[in-house]
């Protein structure tokens, strides 16, 4: 009975932390940073979701990422030019659900490095986790740009090149910000213990 209550308490604390991190991500996304005309922006909002994943693991991280993805859709859904059911479904999956939910999988990519007591190795893990989920988010947007947003490509410009440059224009800064800030934050405060790494 006590074990069940203890587990319930741990789950409630993890849920509360996840809710706080999603709220923080939403607030950070509202900062007046550069925005792109057909959607996308330079943002530091991924950092709380990545940190939460590194703290609680991919299962909890994916849950928080999914909630964040739904909030992103509610706050500003960009419908693709081809207004078909299939295009809208692909947009929901690629531009929102996969792109934002998978930010919560950072712990999966960082896991091989987390058993080490060496700060440099653990820091590498934090960077790998943040970098991998940033790459996944870019790939989702890159594919979406080719499949759904091809009509926005200027005449004479290959669709893949348009998608690469458009999405890369804000995703590359986002990835660099996520990797640097997550690594510095997690090196200063161990996400699992919330204590300074020694």
C-alpha atoms as a PDB file:
ATOM      1  CA  UNK A   1       0.000   0.000   0.000  1.00  0.00           C
ATOM      2  CA  UNK A   2       2.793   2.407   0.921  1.00  0.00           C
ATOM      3  CA  UNK A   3       4.629   1.531  -2.303  1.00  0.00           C
ATOM      4  CA  UNK A   4       1.510   2.371  -4.333  1.00  0.00           C
ATOM      5  CA  UNK A   5       1.165   5.729  -2.568  1.00  0.00           C
ATOM      6  CA  UNK A   6       4.858   6.421  -3.119  1.00  0.00           C
ATOM      7  CA  UNK A   7       4.539   5.654  -6.858  1.00  0.00           C
ATOM      8  CA  UNK A   8       1.414   7.790  -7.111  1.00  0.00           C
ATOM      9  CA  UNK A   9       3.239  10.664  -5.437  1.00  0.00           C
ATOM     10  CA  UNK A  10       6.205  10.292  -7.831  1.00  0.00           C
ATOM     11  CA  UNK A  11       3.841  10.324 -10.812  1.00  0.00           C
ATOM     12  CA  UNK A  12       2.046  13.428  -9.531  1.00  0.00           C
ATOM     13  CA  UNK A  13       5.357  15.237  -9.031  1.00  0.00           C
ATOM     14  CA  UNK A  14       6.507  14.245 -12.541  1.00  0.00           C
ATOM     15  CA  UNK A  15       3.185  15.428 -14.016  1.00  0.00           C
ATOM     16  CA  UNK A  16       3.474  18.742 -12.180  1.00  0.00           C
ATOM     17  CA  UNK A  17       7.028  19.200 -13.417  1.00  0.00           C
ATOM     18  CA  UNK A  18       5.926  18.378 -16.957  1.00  0.00           C
ATOM     19  CA  UNK A  19       3.100  20.913 -16.774  1.00  0.00           C
ATOM     20  CA  UNK A  20       5.519  23.578 -15.526  1.00  0.00           C
ATOM     21  CA  UNK A  21       7.977  22.827 -18.331  1.00  0.00           C
ATOM     22  CA  UNK A  22       5.239  22.984 -20.991  1.00  0.00           C
ATOM     23  CA  UNK A  23       4.035  26.306 -19.550  1.00  0.00           C
ATOM     24  CA  UNK A  24       7.618  27.623 -19.554  1.00  0.00           C
ATOM     25  CA  UNK A  25       8.083  26.504 -23.177  1.00  0.00           C
ATOM     26  CA  UNK A  26       4.899  28.365 -24.153  1.00  0.00           C
ATOM     27  CA  UNK A  27       6.047  31.551 -22.404  1.00  0.00           C
ATOM     28  CA  UNK A  28       9.510  31.349 -24.008  1.00  0.00           C
ATOM     29  CA  UNK A  29       7.871  30.900 -27.421  1.00  0.00           C
ATOM     30  CA  UNK A  30       6.092  34.225 -26.953  1.00  0.00           C
ATOM     31  CA  UNK A  31       9.371  36.155 -26.755  1.00  0.00           C
ATOM     32  CA  UNK A  32       9.708  38.639 -29.634  1.00  0.00           C
ATOM     33  CA  UNK A  33      12.322  36.746 -31.636  1.00  0.00           C
ATOM     34  CA  UNK A  34      12.505  36.627 -35.488  1.00  0.00           C
ATOM     35  CA  UNK A  35       9.512  34.905 -37.135  1.00  0.00           C
ATOM     36  CA  UNK A  36       9.289  33.501 -40.666  1.00  0.00           C
ATOM     37  CA  UNK A  37       6.350  34.476 -42.948  1.00  0.00           C
ATOM     38  CA  UNK A  38       4.949  30.965 -43.578  1.00  0.00           C
ATOM     39  CA  UNK A  39       5.507  29.754 -40.025  1.00  0.00           C
ATOM     40  CA  UNK A  40       8.534  28.954 -37.910  1.00  0.00           C
ATOM     41  CA  UNK A  41      10.670  31.200 -35.769  1.00  0.00           C
ATOM     42  CA  UNK A  42      13.907  31.473 -33.857  1.00  0.00           C
ATOM     43  CA  UNK A  43      12.970  30.248 -30.398  1.00  0.00           C
ATOM     44  CA  UNK A  44      14.366  28.918 -27.131  1.00  0.00           C
ATOM     45  CA  UNK A  45      11.124  27.139 -26.266  1.00  0.00           C
ATOM     46  CA  UNK A  46      12.514  23.627 -26.887  1.00  0.00           C
ATOM     47  CA  UNK A  47      14.913  23.844 -23.924  1.00  0.00           C
ATOM     48  CA  UNK A  48      12.372  23.154 -21.126  1.00  0.00           C
ATOM     49  CA  UNK A  49      10.988  20.103 -22.982  1.00  0.00           C
ATOM     50  CA  UNK A  50      14.504  18.764 -23.621  1.00  0.00           C
ATOM     51  CA  UNK A  51      15.516  19.379 -19.988  1.00  0.00           C
ATOM     52  CA  UNK A  52      12.385  17.611 -18.738  1.00  0.00           C
ATOM     53  CA  UNK A  53      13.150  14.625 -20.948  1.00  0.00           C
ATOM     54  CA  UNK A  54      16.694  14.453 -19.591  1.00  0.00           C
ATOM     55  CA  UNK A  55      15.295  14.663 -16.069  1.00  0.00           C
ATOM     56  CA  UNK A  56      12.412  12.182 -16.285  1.00  0.00           C
ATOM     57  CA  UNK A  57      13.192  10.064 -19.337  1.00  0.00           C
ATOM     58  CA  UNK A  58      11.755   9.769 -22.810  1.00  0.00           C
ATOM     59  CA  UNK A  59       8.338   8.448 -21.773  1.00  0.00           C
ATOM     60  CA  UNK A  60       7.552  11.515 -19.690  1.00  0.00           C
ATOM     61  CA  UNK A  61       9.378  13.753 -22.148  1.00  0.00           C
ATOM     62  CA  UNK A  62       7.274  12.527 -25.078  1.00  0.00           C
ATOM     63  CA  UNK A  63       4.137  13.144 -23.028  1.00  0.00           C
ATOM     64  CA  UNK A  64       5.163  16.742 -22.300  1.00  0.00           C
ATOM     65  CA  UNK A  65       6.223  17.219 -25.921  1.00  0.00           C
ATOM     66  CA  UNK A  66       2.852  15.991 -27.150  1.00  0.00           C
ATOM     67  CA  UNK A  67       1.004  18.415 -24.869  1.00  0.00           C
ATOM     68  CA  UNK A  68       3.267  21.193 -26.123  1.00  0.00           C
ATOM     69  CA  UNK A  69       2.536  20.180 -29.745  1.00  0.00           C
ATOM     70  CA  UNK A  70      -1.221  20.399 -29.139  1.00  0.00           C
ATOM     71  CA  UNK A  71      -0.835  23.837 -27.534  1.00  0.00           C
ATOM     72  CA  UNK A  72       1.241  24.963 -30.538  1.00  0.00           C
ATOM     73  CA  UNK A  73      -1.622  23.934 -32.847  1.00  0.00           C
ATOM     74  CA  UNK A  74      -4.169  25.773 -30.703  1.00  0.00           C
ATOM     75  CA  UNK A  75      -2.056  28.938 -30.565  1.00  0.00           C
ATOM     76  CA  UNK A  76      -1.486  29.191 -34.310  1.00  0.00           C
ATOM     77  CA  UNK A  77      -2.212  26.455 -36.819  1.00  0.00           C
ATOM     78  CA  UNK A  78      -0.833  27.104 -40.299  1.00  0.00           C
ATOM     79  CA  UNK A  79      -2.963  25.171 -42.805  1.00  0.00           C
ATOM     80  CA  UNK A  80      -1.128  24.007 -45.950  1.00  0.00           C
ATOM     81  CA  UNK A  81      -2.095  25.427 -49.357  1.00  0.00           C
ATOM     82  CA  UNK A  82      -3.628  22.118 -50.474  1.00  0.00           C
ATOM     83  CA  UNK A  83      -6.649  22.114 -48.189  1.00  0.00           C
ATOM     84  CA  UNK A  84      -7.358  18.392 -48.449  1.00  0.00           C
ATOM     85  CA  UNK A  85      -7.912  16.026 -45.528  1.00  0.00           C
ATOM     86  CA  UNK A  86      -4.637  14.241 -46.310  1.00  0.00           C
ATOM     87  CA  UNK A  87      -2.670  17.492 -46.462  1.00  0.00           C
ATOM     88  CA  UNK A  88      -4.139  18.686 -43.158  1.00  0.00           C
ATOM     89  CA  UNK A  89      -3.384  15.316 -41.523  1.00  0.00           C
ATOM     90  CA  UNK A  90       0.202  15.397 -42.826  1.00  0.00           C
ATOM     91  CA  UNK A  91       0.560  18.977 -41.595  1.00  0.00           C
ATOM     92  CA  UNK A  92      -0.678  18.036 -38.112  1.00  0.00           C
ATOM     93  CA  UNK A  93       1.769  15.119 -37.969  1.00  0.00           C
ATOM     94  CA  UNK A  94       4.876  16.675 -39.542  1.00  0.00           C
ATOM     95  CA  UNK A  95       4.620  20.315 -38.488  1.00  0.00           C
ATOM     96  CA  UNK A  96       3.228  19.772 -35.001  1.00  0.00           C
ATOM     97  CA  UNK A  97       2.905  16.314 -33.434  1.00  0.00           C
ATOM     98  CA  UNK A  98       6.142  14.723 -34.631  1.00  0.00           C
ATOM     99  CA  UNK A  99       8.127  17.972 -34.674  1.00  0.00           C
ATOM    100  CA  UNK A 100       7.328  19.052 -31.108  1.00  0.00           C
ATOM    101  CA  UNK A 101       6.497  15.761 -29.373  1.00  0.00           C
ATOM    102  CA  UNK A 102       9.810  14.200 -30.399  1.00  0.00           C
ATOM    103  CA  UNK A 103      11.678  16.991 -28.585  1.00  0.00           C
ATOM    104  CA  UNK A 104      10.825  14.905 -25.541  1.00  0.00           C
ATOM    105  CA  UNK A 105      12.949  11.991 -26.772  1.00  0.00           C
ATOM    106  CA  UNK A 106      16.253  13.737 -25.913  1.00  0.00           C
ATOM    107  CA  UNK A 107      16.877  11.308 -23.034  1.00  0.00           C
ATOM    108  CA  UNK A 108      16.883   8.379 -25.466  1.00  0.00           C
ATOM    109  CA  UNK A 109      19.826   9.837 -27.412  1.00  0.00           C
ATOM    110  CA  UNK A 110      21.661  11.027 -24.294  1.00  0.00           C
ATOM    111  CA  UNK A 111      21.255   7.732 -22.395  1.00  0.00           C
ATOM    112  CA  UNK A 112      24.522   6.057 -23.528  1.00  0.00           C
ATOM    113  CA  UNK A 113      26.474   8.942 -21.985  1.00  0.00           C
ATOM    114  CA  UNK A 114      24.538   9.289 -18.725  1.00  0.00           C
ATOM    115  CA  UNK A 115      26.097   6.373 -16.826  1.00  0.00           C
ATOM    116  CA  UNK A 116      29.481   8.059 -16.807  1.00  0.00           C
ATOM    117  CA  UNK A 117      30.692  10.055 -13.806  1.00  0.00           C
ATOM    118  CA  UNK A 118      32.859  12.146 -16.126  1.00  0.00           C
ATOM    119  CA  UNK A 119      31.350  15.624 -16.573  1.00  0.00           C
ATOM    120  CA  UNK A 120      32.751  15.979 -20.107  1.00  0.00           C
ATOM    121  CA  UNK A 121      31.115  12.718 -21.219  1.00  0.00           C
ATOM    122  CA  UNK A 122      27.793  13.623 -19.587  1.00  0.00           C
ATOM    123  CA  UNK A 123      27.939  17.081 -21.177  1.00  0.00           C
ATOM    124  CA  UNK A 124      28.484  15.403 -24.532  1.00  0.00           C
ATOM    125  CA  UNK A 125      25.344  13.357 -23.855  1.00  0.00           C
ATOM    126  CA  UNK A 126      23.309  16.494 -23.157  1.00  0.00           C
ATOM    127  CA  UNK A 127      24.585  18.038 -26.398  1.00  0.00           C
ATOM    128  CA  UNK A 128      23.876  14.856 -28.385  1.00  0.00           C
ATOM    129  CA  UNK A 129      20.336  14.646 -26.966  1.00  0.00           C
ATOM    130  CA  UNK A 130      19.530  18.278 -27.760  1.00  0.00           C
ATOM    131  CA  UNK A 131      21.194  18.068 -31.178  1.00  0.00           C
ATOM    132  CA  UNK A 132      19.432  14.834 -32.175  1.00  0.00           C
ATOM    133  CA  UNK A 133      15.927  16.090 -31.373  1.00  0.00           C
ATOM    134  CA  UNK A 134      16.681  19.394 -33.108  1.00  0.00           C
ATOM    135  CA  UNK A 135      17.715  17.423 -36.209  1.00  0.00           C
ATOM    136  CA  UNK A 136      14.517  15.357 -36.042  1.00  0.00           C
ATOM    137  CA  UNK A 137      12.439  18.523 -35.827  1.00  0.00           C
ATOM    138  CA  UNK A 138      14.287  19.958 -38.827  1.00  0.00           C
ATOM    139  CA  UNK A 139      13.724  16.769 -40.845  1.00  0.00           C
ATOM    140  CA  UNK A 140       9.985  16.918 -40.090  1.00  0.00           C
ATOM    141  CA  UNK A 141       9.812  20.507 -41.337  1.00  0.00           C
ATOM    142  CA  UNK A 142      12.086  19.781 -44.300  1.00  0.00           C
ATOM    143  CA  UNK A 143       9.854  16.922 -45.486  1.00  0.00           C
ATOM    144  CA  UNK A 144       6.750  19.018 -44.830  1.00  0.00           C
ATOM    145  CA  UNK A 145       8.229  21.852 -46.901  1.00  0.00           C
ATOM    146  CA  UNK A 146       8.702  19.520 -49.857  1.00  0.00           C
ATOM    147  CA  UNK A 147       5.399  17.648 -49.578  1.00  0.00           C
ATOM    148  CA  UNK A 148       2.983  20.329 -48.346  1.00  0.00           C
ATOM    149  CA  UNK A 149       4.462  23.775 -48.878  1.00  0.00           C
ATOM    150  CA  UNK A 150       5.992  23.310 -52.348  1.00  0.00           C
ATOM    151  CA  UNK A 151       3.770  26.012 -53.889  1.00  0.00           C
ATOM    152  CA  UNK A 152       5.655  28.660 -51.881  1.00  0.00           C
ATOM    153  CA  UNK A 153       8.936  27.879 -53.652  1.00  0.00           C
ATOM    154  CA  UNK A 154       9.901  30.746 -55.995  1.00  0.00           C
ATOM    155  CA  UNK A 155       9.888  30.052 -59.737  1.00  0.00           C
ATOM    156  CA  UNK A 156      13.042  28.315 -60.865  1.00  0.00           C
ATOM    157  CA  UNK A 157      14.009  27.191 -57.348  1.00  0.00           C
ATOM    158  CA  UNK A 158      13.996  23.472 -56.577  1.00  0.00           C
ATOM    159  CA  UNK A 159      11.438  22.619 -53.886  1.00  0.00           C
ATOM    160  CA  UNK A 160      13.965  20.682 -51.796  1.00  0.00           C
ATOM    161  CA  UNK A 161      16.361  23.654 -51.882  1.00  0.00           C
ATOM    162  CA  UNK A 162      13.588  26.054 -50.890  1.00  0.00           C
ATOM    163  CA  UNK A 163      12.584  23.818 -47.985  1.00  0.00           C
ATOM    164  CA  UNK A 164      16.219  23.377 -46.919  1.00  0.00           C
ATOM    165  CA  UNK A 165      16.988  27.104 -46.872  1.00  0.00           C
ATOM    166  CA  UNK A 166      13.631  28.243 -45.487  1.00  0.00           C
ATOM    167  CA  UNK A 167      13.521  25.742 -42.626  1.00  0.00           C
ATOM    168  CA  UNK A 168      17.273  25.756 -42.104  1.00  0.00           C
ATOM    169  CA  UNK A 169      17.168  29.539 -41.713  1.00  0.00           C
ATOM    170  CA  UNK A 170      15.483  29.297 -38.327  1.00  0.00           C
ATOM    171  CA  UNK A 171      16.131  25.654 -37.402  1.00  0.00           C
ATOM    172  CA  UNK A 172      19.925  25.981 -37.428  1.00  0.00           C
ATOM    173  CA  UNK A 173      19.909  28.849 -34.889  1.00  0.00           C
ATOM    174  CA  UNK A 174      17.321  26.927 -32.833  1.00  0.00           C
ATOM    175  CA  UNK A 175      19.524  23.822 -32.833  1.00  0.00           C
ATOM    176  CA  UNK A 176      22.624  25.775 -31.804  1.00  0.00           C
ATOM    177  CA  UNK A 177      20.706  27.557 -29.046  1.00  0.00           C
ATOM    178  CA  UNK A 178      19.218  24.272 -27.798  1.00  0.00           C
ATOM    179  CA  UNK A 179      22.565  22.449 -27.777  1.00  0.00           C
ATOM    180  CA  UNK A 180      24.525  25.250 -26.098  1.00  0.00           C
ATOM    181  CA  UNK A 181      21.874  26.249 -23.539  1.00  0.00           C
ATOM    182  CA  UNK A 182      20.906  22.665 -22.651  1.00  0.00           C
ATOM    183  CA  UNK A 183      24.537  21.649 -22.213  1.00  0.00           C
ATOM    184  CA  UNK A 184      25.328  24.676 -20.028  1.00  0.00           C
ATOM    185  CA  UNK A 185      22.156  24.264 -17.972  1.00  0.00           C
ATOM    186  CA  UNK A 186      22.564  20.528 -17.413  1.00  0.00           C
ATOM    187  CA  UNK A 187      26.269  20.885 -16.646  1.00  0.00           C
ATOM    188  CA  UNK A 188      25.431  23.483 -14.004  1.00  0.00           C
ATOM    189  CA  UNK A 189      22.451  21.543 -12.610  1.00  0.00           C
ATOM    190  CA  UNK A 190      22.204  17.772 -13.079  1.00  0.00           C
ATOM    191  CA  UNK A 191      18.680  17.280 -14.493  1.00  0.00           C
ATOM    192  CA  UNK A 192      18.173  14.002 -12.626  1.00  0.00           C
ATOM    193  CA  UNK A 193      19.209  15.178  -9.158  1.00  0.00           C
ATOM    194  CA  UNK A 194      18.799  18.952  -9.574  1.00  0.00           C
ATOM    195  CA  UNK A 195      22.198  19.293  -7.900  1.00  0.00           C
ATOM    196  CA  UNK A 196      25.431  20.696  -9.233  1.00  0.00           C
ATOM    197  CA  UNK A 197      27.542  18.153 -11.112  1.00  0.00           C
ATOM    198  CA  UNK A 198      30.841  17.344  -9.398  1.00  0.00           C
END
